[in-house]
Amino acid sequence: MQVAKWGNSLAVRLPADLVRTLDLREGDHIDLRAEAEGFAVVRQPRPEEILAGLRRFRGRLPAGDRLDRDEANRR
């Protein structure tokens, strides 16, 4: 990949194979993180993915989970 000037910033054009592997679409937000072996690309969840997760949740906690008001307010 080649680093190019884009306005006052630098840009990298991603190869199509990488875009397909990461399931990237125009407008997606990604984070690049430096790692010992190179770097990692992390795609942020899309709004529709967040909404789908909230619809599945519907305010229910797994059976073993309990909310403790005192623990939540402890400082």
N, C-alpha and C. Protein backbone atom coordinates (compact mmCIF):
# COMPACT_ATOMS: atom_id res chain seq x y z
N MET A 1 0.84 -1.18 0.00
CA MET A 1 0.00 0.00 0.00
C MET A 1 0.89 1.24 0.00
N GLN A 2 0.41 2.24 -0.64
CA GLN A 2 1.16 3.47 -0.75
C GLN A 2 0.48 4.57 0.07
N VAL A 3 1.28 5.34 0.78
CA VAL A 3 0.78 6.49 1.53
C VAL A 3 0.79 7.69 0.59
N ALA A 4 -0.35 8.39 0.52
CA ALA A 4 -0.47 9.53 -0.39
C ALA A 4 -0.99 10.74 0.38
N LYS A 5 -0.77 11.92 -0.17
CA LYS A 5 -1.25 13.17 0.41
C LYS A 5 -2.73 13.32 0.04
N TRP A 6 -3.55 13.71 1.04
CA TRP A 6 -4.97 13.96 0.80
C TRP A 6 -5.32 15.22 1.58
N GLY A 7 -5.29 16.36 0.90
CA GLY A 7 -5.47 17.64 1.58
C GLY A 7 -4.27 17.87 2.48
N ASN A 8 -4.53 18.15 3.76
CA ASN A 8 -3.45 18.33 4.74
C ASN A 8 -3.10 17.04 5.47
N SER A 9 -3.73 15.94 5.07
CA SER A 9 -3.55 14.66 5.74
C SER A 9 -2.85 13.66 4.83
N LEU A 10 -2.59 12.48 5.39
CA LEU A 10 -2.07 11.37 4.61
C LEU A 10 -3.16 10.31 4.52
N ALA A 11 -3.16 9.56 3.43
CA ALA A 11 -4.19 8.55 3.22
C ALA A 11 -3.55 7.29 2.66
N VAL A 12 -4.23 6.17 2.91
CA VAL A 12 -3.81 4.89 2.38
C VAL A 12 -5.02 4.28 1.66
N ARG A 13 -4.81 3.82 0.46
CA ARG A 13 -5.87 3.13 -0.28
C ARG A 13 -5.79 1.65 0.07
N LEU A 14 -6.91 1.08 0.53
CA LEU A 14 -6.93 -0.31 0.96
C LEU A 14 -7.21 -1.24 -0.22
N PRO A 15 -6.50 -2.34 -0.31
CA PRO A 15 -6.76 -3.30 -1.39
C PRO A 15 -8.15 -3.93 -1.24
N ALA A 16 -8.75 -4.27 -2.35
CA ALA A 16 -10.11 -4.82 -2.36
C ALA A 16 -10.22 -6.09 -1.51
N ASP A 17 -9.20 -6.94 -1.52
CA ASP A 17 -9.25 -8.17 -0.72
C ASP A 17 -9.35 -7.85 0.77
N LEU A 18 -8.61 -6.86 1.23
CA LEU A 18 -8.66 -6.47 2.63
C LEU A 18 -10.02 -5.87 2.98
N VAL A 19 -10.56 -5.07 2.08
CA VAL A 19 -11.88 -4.46 2.29
C VAL A 19 -12.94 -5.54 2.43
N ARG A 20 -12.89 -6.56 1.59
CA ARG A 20 -13.85 -7.66 1.67
C ARG A 20 -13.65 -8.46 2.96
N THR A 21 -12.41 -8.74 3.32
CA THR A 21 -12.13 -9.51 4.53
C THR A 21 -12.65 -8.80 5.77
N LEU A 22 -12.48 -7.48 5.83
CA LEU A 22 -12.92 -6.70 7.00
C LEU A 22 -14.38 -6.27 6.89
N ASP A 23 -15.02 -6.58 5.77
CA ASP A 23 -16.41 -6.18 5.52
C ASP A 23 -16.58 -4.67 5.68
N LEU A 24 -15.68 -3.91 5.04
CA LEU A 24 -15.72 -2.46 5.13
C LEU A 24 -16.64 -1.88 4.06
N ARG A 25 -17.30 -0.79 4.42
CA ARG A 25 -18.15 -0.04 3.48
C ARG A 25 -17.79 1.44 3.58
N GLU A 26 -18.13 2.17 2.55
CA GLU A 26 -17.89 3.61 2.57
C GLU A 26 -18.60 4.22 3.78
N GLY A 27 -17.89 5.06 4.52
CA GLY A 27 -18.46 5.71 5.69
C GLY A 27 -18.17 4.98 7.00
N ASP A 28 -17.66 3.74 6.93
CA ASP A 28 -17.31 3.01 8.15
C ASP A 28 -16.18 3.73 8.88
N HIS A 29 -16.14 3.55 10.19
CA HIS A 29 -15.07 4.10 11.02
C HIS A 29 -14.19 2.94 11.46
N ILE A 30 -12.88 3.11 11.29
CA ILE A 30 -11.94 2.07 11.70
C ILE A 30 -10.86 2.69 12.59
N ASP A 31 -10.28 1.86 13.43
CA ASP A 31 -9.13 2.25 14.25
C ASP A 31 -7.95 1.42 13.79
N LEU A 32 -6.80 2.06 13.66
CA LEU A 32 -5.55 1.35 13.38
C LEU A 32 -4.75 1.36 14.66
N ARG A 33 -4.31 0.17 15.09
CA ARG A 33 -3.55 0.05 16.33
C ARG A 33 -2.20 -0.58 16.05
N ALA A 34 -1.16 0.05 16.53
CA ALA A 34 0.19 -0.49 16.37
C ALA A 34 0.35 -1.69 17.29
N GLU A 35 0.90 -2.77 16.74
CA GLU A 35 1.17 -3.98 17.50
C GLU A 35 2.58 -4.44 17.20
N ALA A 36 3.08 -5.36 17.98
CA ALA A 36 4.46 -5.84 17.81
C ALA A 36 4.68 -6.40 16.40
N GLU A 37 3.67 -7.08 15.85
CA GLU A 37 3.81 -7.71 14.53
C GLU A 37 3.53 -6.75 13.38
N GLY A 38 3.03 -5.58 13.66
CA GLY A 38 2.65 -4.62 12.60
C GLY A 38 1.54 -3.73 13.11
N PHE A 39 0.34 -3.91 12.56
CA PHE A 39 -0.80 -3.14 13.04
C PHE A 39 -2.07 -3.95 12.92
N ALA A 40 -3.09 -3.53 13.67
CA ALA A 40 -4.40 -4.18 13.63
C ALA A 40 -5.43 -3.16 13.17
N VAL A 41 -6.38 -3.62 12.38
CA VAL A 41 -7.49 -2.77 11.93
C VAL A 41 -8.74 -3.24 12.66
N VAL A 42 -9.40 -2.32 13.36
CA VAL A 42 -10.61 -2.64 14.09
C VAL A 42 -11.74 -1.77 13.55
N ARG A 43 -12.80 -2.42 13.03
CA ARG A 43 -13.95 -1.68 12.51
C ARG A 43 -14.91 -1.40 13.65
N GLN A 44 -15.34 -0.16 13.77
CA GLN A 44 -16.33 0.21 14.77
C GLN A 44 -17.70 -0.30 14.32
N PRO A 45 -18.56 -0.66 15.26
CA PRO A 45 -19.89 -1.15 14.87
C PRO A 45 -20.68 -0.08 14.12
N ARG A 46 -21.43 -0.54 13.14
CA ARG A 46 -22.31 0.35 12.38
C ARG A 46 -23.58 0.61 13.19
N PRO A 47 -24.24 1.74 12.94
CA PRO A 47 -25.47 2.04 13.70
C PRO A 47 -26.49 0.92 13.66
N GLU A 48 -26.68 0.29 12.51
CA GLU A 48 -27.69 -0.78 12.41
C GLU A 48 -27.28 -2.00 13.23
N GLU A 49 -25.97 -2.23 13.37
CA GLU A 49 -25.49 -3.34 14.21
C GLU A 49 -25.74 -3.06 15.69
N ILE A 50 -25.54 -1.81 16.08
CA ILE A 50 -25.79 -1.42 17.47
C ILE A 50 -27.28 -1.55 17.78
N LEU A 51 -28.13 -1.08 16.86
CA LEU A 51 -29.58 -1.17 17.08
C LEU A 51 -30.04 -2.62 17.13
N ALA A 52 -29.48 -3.47 16.29
CA ALA A 52 -29.86 -4.89 16.31
C ALA A 52 -29.49 -5.51 17.66
N GLY A 53 -28.32 -5.16 18.20
CA GLY A 53 -27.93 -5.66 19.50
C GLY A 53 -28.86 -5.17 20.60
N LEU A 54 -29.27 -3.92 20.53
CA LEU A 54 -30.20 -3.38 21.52
C LEU A 54 -31.56 -4.06 21.43
N ARG A 55 -32.01 -4.36 20.22
CA ARG A 55 -33.29 -5.05 20.06
C ARG A 55 -33.23 -6.46 20.66
N ARG A 56 -32.08 -7.13 20.53
CA ARG A 56 -31.94 -8.47 21.11
C ARG A 56 -31.90 -8.38 22.63
N PHE A 57 -31.32 -7.32 23.17
CA PHE A 57 -31.18 -7.17 24.61
C PHE A 57 -32.54 -6.99 25.28
N ARG A 58 -33.32 -6.05 24.80
CA ARG A 58 -34.66 -5.75 25.32
C ARG A 58 -34.73 -5.64 26.84
N GLY A 59 -33.65 -5.15 27.45
CA GLY A 59 -33.67 -4.88 28.87
C GLY A 59 -33.52 -6.10 29.76
N ARG A 60 -33.22 -7.26 29.20
CA ARG A 60 -33.09 -8.47 30.00
C ARG A 60 -31.62 -8.79 30.26
N LEU A 61 -31.34 -9.20 31.47
CA LEU A 61 -30.00 -9.64 31.82
C LEU A 61 -29.97 -11.17 31.83
N PRO A 62 -28.82 -11.75 31.57
CA PRO A 62 -28.71 -13.21 31.71
C PRO A 62 -29.12 -13.64 33.11
N ALA A 63 -29.62 -14.86 33.24
CA ALA A 63 -30.19 -15.35 34.50
C ALA A 63 -29.26 -15.18 35.69
N GLY A 64 -27.95 -15.39 35.52
CA GLY A 64 -27.02 -15.32 36.64
C GLY A 64 -26.60 -13.92 37.02
N ASP A 65 -26.91 -12.93 36.20
CA ASP A 65 -26.48 -11.56 36.47
C ASP A 65 -27.48 -10.85 37.39
N ARG A 66 -26.96 -10.08 38.31
CA ARG A 66 -27.78 -9.28 39.23
C ARG A 66 -27.24 -7.87 39.27
N LEU A 67 -28.15 -6.91 39.37
CA LEU A 67 -27.74 -5.53 39.57
C LEU A 67 -27.79 -5.23 41.06
N ASP A 68 -26.75 -4.62 41.57
CA ASP A 68 -26.66 -4.28 42.97
C ASP A 68 -26.51 -2.76 43.06
N ARG A 69 -27.54 -2.10 43.56
CA ARG A 69 -27.55 -0.64 43.63
C ARG A 69 -26.38 -0.11 44.45
N ASP A 70 -26.10 -0.74 45.58
CA ASP A 70 -25.00 -0.28 46.43
C ASP A 70 -23.67 -0.41 45.72
N GLU A 71 -23.47 -1.53 45.04
CA GLU A 71 -22.22 -1.74 44.30
C GLU A 71 -22.09 -0.74 43.15
N ALA A 72 -23.18 -0.47 42.46
CA ALA A 72 -23.15 0.46 41.34
C ALA A 72 -22.83 1.89 41.80
N ASN A 73 -23.26 2.26 43.01
CA ASN A 73 -23.06 3.63 43.50
C ASN A 73 -21.83 3.78 44.38
N ARG A 74 -21.12 2.69 44.62
CA ARG A 74 -19.91 2.73 45.44
C ARG A 74 -18.84 3.53 44.72
N ARG A 75 -18.12 4.34 45.44
CA ARG A 75 -17.07 5.18 44.81
C ARG A 75 -15.73 4.76 45.26
